[in-house]
Amino acid sequence: MQTSTYQRGLMIVILGVIFLSFDGLLIRLAATDGFTIVFWRGFLMFCVLGALCLARRKLSTLRVHLVASLASATLLGLISALFVLAVMNASVANVVVILSTAPLFAAIFSRVFLGERVALRTLIAIALCMLGMGLVFLGEGAAGMLLGNLFALAAALAIGGNLTLLRRYPGIDTITVIAGGGLLSSAIAWPMASPFALEAPQFGVLTLMGLVQMPLATVLINSATRYLPSTEVALFYLVETALGTLWVWWLLGEEPTASTLAGGVVVITVLVIHAGIGLRRERQRLRLEPGVAVK
């Protein structure tokens, strides 16, 4: 069976979001202040991905889209810092719910800056997912989480903007800009961090986060924009809403409300249907192309 462009993008983004969904859990397990987490996570990401860039000799590609690459690295650095600060000031469920608004911003940015038509099924899916997120908000007391909620909203804006930027400039080397984003986030956090006041278990969690989990998640999700519209890629951030909440519930006892669970069911159901329709239409398109066999 030939793997279509849509199928490839779908597999990449799903795997990336699964890795990303452990972010809130690892931040909780690190049990230290937000700026220290941002510093070590960003610095370790820069080290591992910077080394990979040197091994691949891809630094020269920055000259092709220099301004766009710097903009993407800046957005990624901000996203990383904002997410950690959001989780430190609000519940994981609240943060991932607010991040689920990223598809709305990606759709708006893609339409305004790229002139990209947003499929009707995607608009319907976003609307239904927002209804699901409304159910989650009913169970969350936001009064004491305003700062964390604002950090999360800013991160959602940056995610939508970065996905649209990568859609506009597919030649940007993803690994290079993620490494740059890691360096930027660590530089932002450095003056307020306490990087050497950690115990071994804390540093172990941060090492796992910075060297494995975050690099894999970000590379996969950003790479998916080469195969899928930025709006659809952003839509899969909604999977983190369900999984991210479940991990901290099962493993740390941070129990979501009944409305959070109901909203998660709505989101996952809508995503499955949306992806199924997209996959079916892609297969139909391939069947109509001469010389392309799809089983």
C-alpha atoms as a PDB file:
ATOM      1  CA  MET A   1       0.000   0.000   0.000  1.00  0.00           C
ATOM      2  CA  GLN A   2       1.332   3.425  -0.937  1.00  0.00           C
ATOM      3  CA  THR A   3       1.447   5.901   1.929  1.00  0.00           C
ATOM      4  CA  SER A   4      -0.095   9.189   0.776  1.00  0.00           C
ATOM      5  CA  THR A   5       1.069  12.638   1.800  1.00  0.00           C
ATOM      6  CA  TYR A   6      -1.947  13.020   4.077  1.00  0.00           C
ATOM      7  CA  GLN A   7      -1.351   9.655   5.756  1.00  0.00           C
ATOM      8  CA  ARG A   8       2.298  10.493   6.343  1.00  0.00           C
ATOM      9  CA  GLY A   9       1.435  13.852   7.871  1.00  0.00           C
ATOM     10  CA  LEU A  10      -1.257  12.255  10.013  1.00  0.00           C
ATOM     11  CA  MET A  11       1.118   9.645  11.441  1.00  0.00           C
ATOM     12  CA  ILE A  12       3.820  12.231  12.141  1.00  0.00           C
ATOM     13  CA  VAL A  13       1.556  14.682  13.957  1.00  0.00           C
ATOM     14  CA  ILE A  14      -0.168  11.990  16.056  1.00  0.00           C
ATOM     15  CA  LEU A  15       3.174  10.598  17.235  1.00  0.00           C
ATOM     16  CA  GLY A  16       4.454  14.102  17.963  1.00  0.00           C
ATOM     17  CA  VAL A  17       1.434  15.046  20.054  1.00  0.00           C
ATOM     18  CA  ILE A  18       1.654  11.799  22.047  1.00  0.00           C
ATOM     19  CA  PHE A  19       5.230  12.701  23.026  1.00  0.00           C
ATOM     20  CA  LEU A  20       4.139  16.263  23.773  1.00  0.00           C
ATOM     21  CA  SER A  21       1.327  15.110  26.058  1.00  0.00           C
ATOM     22  CA  PHE A  22       3.861  14.014  28.709  1.00  0.00           C
ATOM     23  CA  ASP A  23       5.084  17.592  29.105  1.00  0.00           C
ATOM     24  CA  GLY A  24       2.766  18.576  31.957  1.00  0.00           C
ATOM     25  CA  LEU A  25       3.507  15.357  33.844  1.00  0.00           C
ATOM     26  CA  LEU A  26       7.270  15.839  33.575  1.00  0.00           C
ATOM     27  CA  ILE A  27       7.006  19.467  34.697  1.00  0.00           C
ATOM     28  CA  ARG A  28       5.090  18.329  37.786  1.00  0.00           C
ATOM     29  CA  LEU A  29       7.650  15.559  38.476  1.00  0.00           C
ATOM     30  CA  ALA A  30      10.560  18.014  38.197  1.00  0.00           C
ATOM     31  CA  ALA A  31       9.197  19.734  41.333  1.00  0.00           C
ATOM     32  CA  THR A  32      11.160  22.960  40.964  1.00  0.00           C
ATOM     33  CA  ASP A  33      10.477  26.543  39.910  1.00  0.00           C
ATOM     34  CA  GLY A  34       9.306  27.371  36.393  1.00  0.00           C
ATOM     35  CA  PHE A  35      12.319  29.392  35.274  1.00  0.00           C
ATOM     36  CA  THR A  36      14.735  26.610  36.242  1.00  0.00           C
ATOM     37  CA  ILE A  37      12.662  24.148  34.212  1.00  0.00           C
ATOM     38  CA  VAL A  38      12.604  26.517  31.226  1.00  0.00           C
ATOM     39  CA  PHE A  39      16.379  26.995  31.445  1.00  0.00           C
ATOM     40  CA  TRP A  40      17.386  23.335  31.586  1.00  0.00           C
ATOM     41  CA  ARG A  41      14.779  22.157  29.110  1.00  0.00           C
ATOM     42  CA  GLY A  42      15.776  24.799  26.581  1.00  0.00           C
ATOM     43  CA  PHE A  43      19.516  24.423  27.101  1.00  0.00           C
ATOM     44  CA  LEU A  44      19.453  20.623  26.814  1.00  0.00           C
ATOM     45  CA  MET A  45      17.287  20.814  23.695  1.00  0.00           C
ATOM     46  CA  PHE A  46      19.808  23.226  22.197  1.00  0.00           C
ATOM     47  CA  CYS A  47      22.702  20.892  23.019  1.00  0.00           C
ATOM     48  CA  VAL A  48      21.234  17.745  21.491  1.00  0.00           C
ATOM     49  CA  LEU A  49      19.661  19.387  18.446  1.00  0.00           C
ATOM     50  CA  GLY A  50      22.592  21.742  17.896  1.00  0.00           C
ATOM     51  CA  ALA A  51      24.905  18.721  17.783  1.00  0.00           C
ATOM     52  CA  LEU A  52      22.548  17.068  15.309  1.00  0.00           C
ATOM     53  CA  CYS A  53      22.600  20.195  13.130  1.00  0.00           C
ATOM     54  CA  LEU A  54      26.388  20.137  13.064  1.00  0.00           C
ATOM     55  CA  ALA A  55      26.410  16.435  12.206  1.00  0.00           C
ATOM     56  CA  ARG A  56      23.945  17.032   9.369  1.00  0.00           C
ATOM     57  CA  ARG A  57      25.813  20.177   8.264  1.00  0.00           C
ATOM     58  CA  LYS A  58      22.511  21.984   7.930  1.00  0.00           C
ATOM     59  CA  LEU A  59      23.484  25.327   9.466  1.00  0.00           C
ATOM     60  CA  SER A  60      24.140  26.704   5.983  1.00  0.00           C
ATOM     61  CA  THR A  61      20.419  26.346   5.189  1.00  0.00           C
ATOM     62  CA  LEU A  62      19.712  29.282   7.514  1.00  0.00           C
ATOM     63  CA  ARG A  63      20.802  31.614   4.727  1.00  0.00           C
ATOM     64  CA  VAL A  64      17.894  30.465   2.547  1.00  0.00           C
ATOM     65  CA  HIS A  65      15.137  31.708   4.882  1.00  0.00           C
ATOM     66  CA  LEU A  66      17.129  33.598   7.503  1.00  0.00           C
ATOM     67  CA  VAL A  67      14.420  35.988   8.714  1.00  0.00           C
ATOM     68  CA  ALA A  68      11.714  33.296   8.739  1.00  0.00           C
ATOM     69  CA  SER A  69      14.029  30.875  10.572  1.00  0.00           C
ATOM     70  CA  LEU A  70      14.828  33.458  13.240  1.00  0.00           C
ATOM     71  CA  ALA A  71      11.122  34.250  13.621  1.00  0.00           C
ATOM     72  CA  SER A  72      10.271  30.557  14.021  1.00  0.00           C
ATOM     73  CA  ALA A  73      13.059  30.049  16.575  1.00  0.00           C
ATOM     74  CA  THR A  74      11.798  33.057  18.533  1.00  0.00           C
ATOM     75  CA  LEU A  75       8.235  31.737  18.563  1.00  0.00           C
ATOM     76  CA  LEU A  76       9.388  28.270  19.649  1.00  0.00           C
ATOM     77  CA  GLY A  77      11.433  29.738  22.483  1.00  0.00           C
ATOM     78  CA  LEU A  78       8.444  31.744  23.670  1.00  0.00           C
ATOM     79  CA  ILE A  79       6.107  28.743  23.402  1.00  0.00           C
ATOM     80  CA  SER A  80       8.408  26.634  25.568  1.00  0.00           C
ATOM     81  CA  ALA A  81       8.764  29.300  28.242  1.00  0.00           C
ATOM     82  CA  LEU A  82       5.077  30.253  28.251  1.00  0.00           C
ATOM     83  CA  PHE A  83       3.918  26.650  28.569  1.00  0.00           C
ATOM     84  CA  VAL A  84       6.088  25.933  31.591  1.00  0.00           C
ATOM     85  CA  LEU A  85       5.050  29.163  33.300  1.00  0.00           C
ATOM     86  CA  ALA A  86       1.402  28.389  32.546  1.00  0.00           C
ATOM     87  CA  VAL A  87       1.614  24.930  34.139  1.00  0.00           C
ATOM     88  CA  MET A  88       3.324  26.414  37.191  1.00  0.00           C
ATOM     89  CA  ASN A  89       0.443  28.874  37.666  1.00  0.00           C
ATOM     90  CA  ALA A  90      -2.609  26.799  36.678  1.00  0.00           C
ATOM     91  CA  SER A  91      -3.764  23.195  36.519  1.00  0.00           C
ATOM     92  CA  VAL A  92      -2.506  21.026  33.665  1.00  0.00           C
ATOM     93  CA  ALA A  93      -6.100  20.553  32.508  1.00  0.00           C
ATOM     94  CA  ASN A  94      -6.650  24.308  32.323  1.00  0.00           C
ATOM     95  CA  VAL A  95      -3.450  24.881  30.367  1.00  0.00           C
ATOM     96  CA  VAL A  96      -3.974  22.190  27.750  1.00  0.00           C
ATOM     97  CA  VAL A  97      -7.576  23.287  27.306  1.00  0.00           C
ATOM     98  CA  ILE A  98      -6.501  26.842  26.511  1.00  0.00           C
ATOM     99  CA  LEU A  99      -3.772  25.573  24.190  1.00  0.00           C
ATOM    100  CA  SER A 100      -6.499  23.820  22.230  1.00  0.00           C
ATOM    101  CA  THR A 101      -7.480  27.231  20.832  1.00  0.00           C
ATOM    102  CA  ALA A 102      -4.348  27.101  18.647  1.00  0.00           C
ATOM    103  CA  PRO A 103      -6.353  25.820  15.619  1.00  0.00           C
ATOM    104  CA  LEU A 104      -8.461  28.965  15.717  1.00  0.00           C
ATOM    105  CA  PHE A 105      -5.396  31.172  15.545  1.00  0.00           C
ATOM    106  CA  ALA A 106      -3.748  28.989  12.890  1.00  0.00           C
ATOM    107  CA  ALA A 107      -6.894  29.184  10.761  1.00  0.00           C
ATOM    108  CA  ILE A 108      -7.073  32.965  11.134  1.00  0.00           C
ATOM    109  CA  PHE A 109      -3.363  33.473  10.411  1.00  0.00           C
ATOM    110  CA  SER A 110      -3.404  31.101   7.423  1.00  0.00           C
ATOM    111  CA  ARG A 111      -6.390  32.884   5.948  1.00  0.00           C
ATOM    112  CA  VAL A 112      -5.062  36.406   6.572  1.00  0.00           C
ATOM    113  CA  PHE A 113      -1.379  35.938   5.723  1.00  0.00           C
ATOM    114  CA  LEU A 114      -1.401  33.008   3.293  1.00  0.00           C
ATOM    115  CA  GLY A 115      -4.809  33.353   1.676  1.00  0.00           C
ATOM    116  CA  GLU A 116      -5.267  29.651   2.428  1.00  0.00           C
ATOM    117  CA  ARG A 117      -8.794  28.335   2.221  1.00  0.00           C
ATOM    118  CA  VAL A 118      -9.895  26.596   5.395  1.00  0.00           C
ATOM    119  CA  ALA A 119     -11.898  23.446   4.664  1.00  0.00           C
ATOM    120  CA  LEU A 120     -15.483  23.456   5.904  1.00  0.00           C
ATOM    121  CA  ARG A 121     -14.924  20.193   7.776  1.00  0.00           C
ATOM    122  CA  THR A 122     -12.007  21.788   9.631  1.00  0.00           C
ATOM    123  CA  LEU A 123     -14.108  24.799  10.641  1.00  0.00           C
ATOM    124  CA  ILE A 124     -16.877  22.502  11.865  1.00  0.00           C
ATOM    125  CA  ALA A 125     -14.346  20.375  13.767  1.00  0.00           C
ATOM    126  CA  ILE A 126     -12.861  23.442  15.444  1.00  0.00           C
ATOM    127  CA  ALA A 127     -16.320  24.682  16.456  1.00  0.00           C
ATOM    128  CA  LEU A 128     -17.278  21.311  17.934  1.00  0.00           C
ATOM    129  CA  CYS A 129     -13.958  21.024  19.746  1.00  0.00           C
ATOM    130  CA  MET A 130     -14.486  24.458  21.238  1.00  0.00           C
ATOM    131  CA  LEU A 131     -17.825  23.215  22.580  1.00  0.00           C
ATOM    132  CA  GLY A 132     -15.957  20.312  24.150  1.00  0.00           C
ATOM    133  CA  MET A 133     -13.476  22.742  25.670  1.00  0.00           C
ATOM    134  CA  GLY A 134     -16.397  24.725  27.071  1.00  0.00           C
ATOM    135  CA  LEU A 135     -17.423  21.622  29.008  1.00  0.00           C
ATOM    136  CA  VAL A 136     -13.935  21.441  30.468  1.00  0.00           C
ATOM    137  CA  PHE A 137     -13.994  25.072  31.566  1.00  0.00           C
ATOM    138  CA  LEU A 138     -17.235  24.510  33.469  1.00  0.00           C
ATOM    139  CA  GLY A 139     -15.355  22.220  35.842  1.00  0.00           C
ATOM    140  CA  GLU A 140     -12.338  24.435  36.331  1.00  0.00           C
ATOM    141  CA  GLY A 141     -12.181  27.263  38.876  1.00  0.00           C
ATOM    142  CA  ALA A 142     -10.306  29.910  36.920  1.00  0.00           C
ATOM    143  CA  ALA A 143     -10.371  32.634  39.602  1.00  0.00           C
ATOM    144  CA  GLY A 144      -6.982  31.719  41.070  1.00  0.00           C
ATOM    145  CA  MET A 145      -5.420  30.761  37.755  1.00  0.00           C
ATOM    146  CA  LEU A 146      -5.626  34.007  35.780  1.00  0.00           C
ATOM    147  CA  LEU A 147      -1.872  34.418  35.306  1.00  0.00           C
ATOM    148  CA  GLY A 148      -1.423  30.808  34.200  1.00  0.00           C
ATOM    149  CA  ASN A 149      -4.383  31.101  31.848  1.00  0.00           C
ATOM    150  CA  LEU A 150      -2.899  34.229  30.246  1.00  0.00           C
ATOM    151  CA  PHE A 151       0.457  32.473  29.753  1.00  0.00           C
ATOM    152  CA  ALA A 152      -1.362  29.561  28.106  1.00  0.00           C
ATOM    153  CA  LEU A 153      -3.348  31.873  25.817  1.00  0.00           C
ATOM    154  CA  ALA A 154      -0.155  33.613  24.699  1.00  0.00           C
ATOM    155  CA  ALA A 155       1.383  30.191  23.982  1.00  0.00           C
ATOM    156  CA  ALA A 156      -1.641  29.221  21.873  1.00  0.00           C
ATOM    157  CA  LEU A 157      -1.224  32.393  19.802  1.00  0.00           C
ATOM    158  CA  ALA A 158       2.462  31.628  19.281  1.00  0.00           C
ATOM    159  CA  ILE A 159       1.738  28.015  18.283  1.00  0.00           C
ATOM    160  CA  GLY A 160      -0.774  29.114  15.658  1.00  0.00           C
ATOM    161  CA  GLY A 161       1.654  31.703  14.319  1.00  0.00           C
ATOM    162  CA  ASN A 162       4.574  29.283  14.129  1.00  0.00           C
ATOM    163  CA  LEU A 163       2.598  26.574  12.354  1.00  0.00           C
ATOM    164  CA  THR A 164       1.453  29.121   9.782  1.00  0.00           C
ATOM    165  CA  LEU A 165       5.007  30.391   9.325  1.00  0.00           C
ATOM    166  CA  LEU A 166       6.289  26.867   8.692  1.00  0.00           C
ATOM    167  CA  ARG A 167       3.473  26.296   6.218  1.00  0.00           C
ATOM    168  CA  ARG A 168       4.526  29.453   4.343  1.00  0.00           C
ATOM    169  CA  TYR A 169       8.221  28.539   4.343  1.00  0.00           C
ATOM    170  CA  PRO A 170       8.465  24.722   4.119  1.00  0.00           C
ATOM    171  CA  GLY A 171      12.181  25.026   3.348  1.00  0.00           C
ATOM    172  CA  ILE A 172      12.952  26.059   6.930  1.00  0.00           C
ATOM    173  CA  ASP A 173      15.108  23.430   8.608  1.00  0.00           C
ATOM    174  CA  THR A 174      12.980  22.330  11.553  1.00  0.00           C
ATOM    175  CA  ILE A 175      15.769  20.955  13.718  1.00  0.00           C
ATOM    176  CA  THR A 176      17.861  24.100  13.385  1.00  0.00           C
ATOM    177  CA  VAL A 177      15.068  26.454  14.455  1.00  0.00           C
ATOM    178  CA  ILE A 178      14.061  24.201  17.366  1.00  0.00           C
ATOM    179  CA  ALA A 179      17.664  24.274  18.587  1.00  0.00           C
ATOM    180  CA  GLY A 180      17.602  28.061  18.318  1.00  0.00           C
ATOM    181  CA  GLY A 181      14.299  28.180  20.181  1.00  0.00           C
ATOM    182  CA  GLY A 182      15.783  26.113  22.996  1.00  0.00           C
ATOM    183  CA  LEU A 183      18.748  28.467  23.288  1.00  0.00           C
ATOM    184  CA  LEU A 184      16.455  31.500  23.346  1.00  0.00           C
ATOM    185  CA  SER A 185      14.162  30.090  26.045  1.00  0.00           C
ATOM    186  CA  SER A 186      17.140  29.207  28.253  1.00  0.00           C
ATOM    187  CA  ALA A 187      18.546  32.717  27.793  1.00  0.00           C
ATOM    188  CA  ILE A 188      15.192  34.242  28.785  1.00  0.00           C
ATOM    189  CA  ALA A 189      15.010  32.100  31.935  1.00  0.00           C
ATOM    190  CA  TRP A 190      18.667  32.306  33.011  1.00  0.00           C
ATOM    191  CA  PRO A 191      18.509  35.504  35.134  1.00  0.00           C
ATOM    192  CA  MET A 192      15.602  34.128  37.199  1.00  0.00           C
ATOM    193  CA  ALA A 193      16.566  30.432  37.311  1.00  0.00           C
ATOM    194  CA  SER A 194      18.430  28.404  39.939  1.00  0.00           C
ATOM    195  CA  PRO A 195      19.946  25.770  37.643  1.00  0.00           C
ATOM    196  CA  PHE A 196      22.440  24.318  40.128  1.00  0.00           C
ATOM    197  CA  ALA A 197      20.098  23.972  43.110  1.00  0.00           C
ATOM    198  CA  LEU A 198      18.619  20.666  41.939  1.00  0.00           C
ATOM    199  CA  GLU A 199      18.713  17.167  43.387  1.00  0.00           C
ATOM    200  CA  ALA A 200      19.596  14.188  41.190  1.00  0.00           C
ATOM    201  CA  PRO A 201      15.992  12.983  40.596  1.00  0.00           C
ATOM    202  CA  GLN A 202      14.926  16.478  39.556  1.00  0.00           C
ATOM    203  CA  PHE A 203      17.790  16.805  37.107  1.00  0.00           C
ATOM    204  CA  GLY A 204      17.004  13.336  35.765  1.00  0.00           C
ATOM    205  CA  VAL A 205      13.459  14.402  34.904  1.00  0.00           C
ATOM    206  CA  LEU A 206      14.696  17.597  33.255  1.00  0.00           C
ATOM    207  CA  THR A 207      17.267  15.617  31.272  1.00  0.00           C
ATOM    208  CA  LEU A 208      14.570  13.275  29.979  1.00  0.00           C
ATOM    209  CA  MET A 209      12.448  16.270  29.055  1.00  0.00           C
ATOM    210  CA  GLY A 210      15.215  18.271  27.379  1.00  0.00           C
ATOM    211  CA  LEU A 211      17.115  15.517  25.579  1.00  0.00           C
ATOM    212  CA  VAL A 212      14.312  13.172  24.519  1.00  0.00           C
ATOM    213  CA  GLN A 213      10.680  14.170  25.004  1.00  0.00           C
ATOM    214  CA  MET A 214      10.602  17.791  23.838  1.00  0.00           C
ATOM    215  CA  PRO A 215      13.005  17.487  20.878  1.00  0.00           C
ATOM    216  CA  LEU A 216      11.064  14.523  19.490  1.00  0.00           C
ATOM    217  CA  ALA A 217       7.667  16.132  20.019  1.00  0.00           C
ATOM    218  CA  THR A 218       8.576  19.476  18.493  1.00  0.00           C
ATOM    219  CA  VAL A 219      10.456  18.064  15.497  1.00  0.00           C
ATOM    220  CA  LEU A 220       7.600  15.714  14.626  1.00  0.00           C
ATOM    221  CA  ILE A 221       4.830  18.307  14.975  1.00  0.00           C
ATOM    222  CA  ASN A 222       6.691  20.975  13.020  1.00  0.00           C
ATOM    223  CA  SER A 223       7.637  18.465  10.308  1.00  0.00           C
ATOM    224  CA  ALA A 224       3.970  17.590   9.847  1.00  0.00           C
ATOM    225  CA  THR A 225       3.317  21.067   8.404  1.00  0.00           C
ATOM    226  CA  ARG A 226       5.050  19.907   5.225  1.00  0.00           C
ATOM    227  CA  TYR A 227       2.257  17.420   4.605  1.00  0.00           C
ATOM    228  CA  LEU A 228      -0.823  18.976   6.243  1.00  0.00           C
ATOM    229  CA  PRO A 229      -2.327  22.483   6.393  1.00  0.00           C
ATOM    230  CA  SER A 230      -1.266  24.323   9.542  1.00  0.00           C
ATOM    231  CA  THR A 231      -4.898  24.429  10.692  1.00  0.00           C
ATOM    232  CA  GLU A 232      -5.130  20.634  10.700  1.00  0.00           C
ATOM    233  CA  VAL A 233      -1.781  20.218  12.445  1.00  0.00           C
ATOM    234  CA  ALA A 234      -2.857  22.663  15.152  1.00  0.00           C
ATOM    235  CA  LEU A 235      -6.113  20.755  15.531  1.00  0.00           C
ATOM    236  CA  PHE A 236      -4.172  17.756  16.802  1.00  0.00           C
ATOM    237  CA  TYR A 237      -2.897  19.765  19.733  1.00  0.00           C
ATOM    238  CA  LEU A 238      -6.348  19.014  21.101  1.00  0.00           C
ATOM    239  CA  VAL A 239      -5.230  15.410  21.656  1.00  0.00           C
ATOM    240  CA  GLU A 240      -2.888  16.758  24.335  1.00  0.00           C
ATOM    241  CA  THR A 241      -5.928  18.156  26.113  1.00  0.00           C
ATOM    242  CA  ALA A 242      -7.136  14.634  26.807  1.00  0.00           C
ATOM    243  CA  LEU A 243      -3.830  12.779  27.205  1.00  0.00           C
ATOM    244  CA  GLY A 244      -2.021  15.486  29.185  1.00  0.00           C
ATOM    245  CA  THR A 245      -4.870  15.564  31.685  1.00  0.00           C
ATOM    246  CA  LEU A 246      -5.005  11.776  31.935  1.00  0.00           C
ATOM    247  CA  TRP A 247      -1.280  11.348  32.688  1.00  0.00           C
ATOM    248  CA  VAL A 248      -1.309  13.690  35.709  1.00  0.00           C
ATOM    249  CA  TRP A 249      -4.581  12.178  36.896  1.00  0.00           C
ATOM    250  CA  TRP A 250      -3.488   8.553  36.736  1.00  0.00           C
ATOM    251  CA  LEU A 251       0.060   9.038  37.984  1.00  0.00           C
ATOM    252  CA  LEU A 252      -0.157  12.047  40.322  1.00  0.00           C
ATOM    253  CA  GLY A 253      -3.792  12.097  41.391  1.00  0.00           C
ATOM    254  CA  GLU A 254      -4.508  15.525  39.835  1.00  0.00           C
ATOM    255  CA  GLU A 255      -8.087  14.509  39.174  1.00  0.00           C
ATOM    256  CA  PRO A 256     -10.091  16.251  36.433  1.00  0.00           C
ATOM    257  CA  THR A 257     -13.750  17.051  36.902  1.00  0.00           C
ATOM    258  CA  ALA A 258     -16.598  15.167  35.236  1.00  0.00           C
ATOM    259  CA  SER A 259     -16.997  18.028  32.761  1.00  0.00           C
ATOM    260  CA  THR A 260     -13.302  17.773  31.850  1.00  0.00           C
ATOM    261  CA  LEU A 261     -13.753  14.103  31.027  1.00  0.00           C
ATOM    262  CA  ALA A 262     -16.894  14.825  29.002  1.00  0.00           C
ATOM    263  CA  GLY A 263     -15.100  17.534  27.038  1.00  0.00           C
ATOM    264  CA  GLY A 264     -12.191  15.210  26.330  1.00  0.00           C
ATOM    265  CA  VAL A 265     -14.533  12.591  24.889  1.00  0.00           C
ATOM    266  CA  VAL A 266     -16.059  15.221  22.583  1.00  0.00           C
ATOM    267  CA  VAL A 267     -12.642  16.382  21.383  1.00  0.00           C
ATOM    268  CA  ILE A 268     -11.246  12.922  20.645  1.00  0.00           C
ATOM    269  CA  THR A 269     -14.430  11.828  18.864  1.00  0.00           C
ATOM    270  CA  VAL A 270     -14.417  14.907  16.633  1.00  0.00           C
ATOM    271  CA  LEU A 271     -10.722  14.453  15.806  1.00  0.00           C
ATOM    272  CA  VAL A 272     -11.170  10.824  14.820  1.00  0.00           C
ATOM    273  CA  ILE A 273     -14.069  11.692  12.509  1.00  0.00           C
ATOM    274  CA  HIS A 274     -12.214  14.687  11.046  1.00  0.00           C
ATOM    275  CA  ALA A 275      -9.077  12.673  10.320  1.00  0.00           C
ATOM    276  CA  GLY A 276     -11.123   9.814   8.855  1.00  0.00           C
ATOM    277  CA  ILE A 277     -12.870  12.145   6.405  1.00  0.00           C
ATOM    278  CA  GLY A 278      -9.562  13.710   5.389  1.00  0.00           C
ATOM    279  CA  LEU A 279      -7.935  10.328   4.840  1.00  0.00           C
ATOM    280  CA  ARG A 280     -10.850   9.074   2.757  1.00  0.00           C
ATOM    281  CA  ARG A 281     -10.812  12.174   0.541  1.00  0.00           C
ATOM    282  CA  GLU A 282      -7.068  11.909   0.054  1.00  0.00           C
ATOM    283  CA  ARG A 283      -7.390   8.296  -1.040  1.00  0.00           C
ATOM    284  CA  GLN A 284     -10.149   9.274  -3.470  1.00  0.00           C
ATOM    285  CA  ARG A 285      -7.924  11.989  -4.930  1.00  0.00           C
ATOM    286  CA  LEU A 286      -5.035   9.578  -5.381  1.00  0.00           C
ATOM    287  CA  ARG A 287      -7.260   7.081  -7.187  1.00  0.00           C
ATOM    288  CA  LEU A 288      -8.073   9.764  -9.751  1.00  0.00           C
ATOM    289  CA  GLU A 289      -4.410  10.548 -10.417  1.00  0.00           C
ATOM    290  CA  PRO A 290      -2.905   8.589 -13.322  1.00  0.00           C
ATOM    291  CA  GLY A 291      -0.229   6.095 -12.381  1.00  0.00           C
ATOM    292  CA  VAL A 292      -1.014   6.152  -8.660  1.00  0.00           C
ATOM    293  CA  ALA A 293      -2.246   2.939  -7.078  1.00  0.00           C
ATOM    294  CA  VAL A 294      -3.763   3.081  -3.626  1.00  0.00           C
ATOM    295  CA  LYS A 295      -4.995  -0.037  -1.901  1.00  0.00           C
END
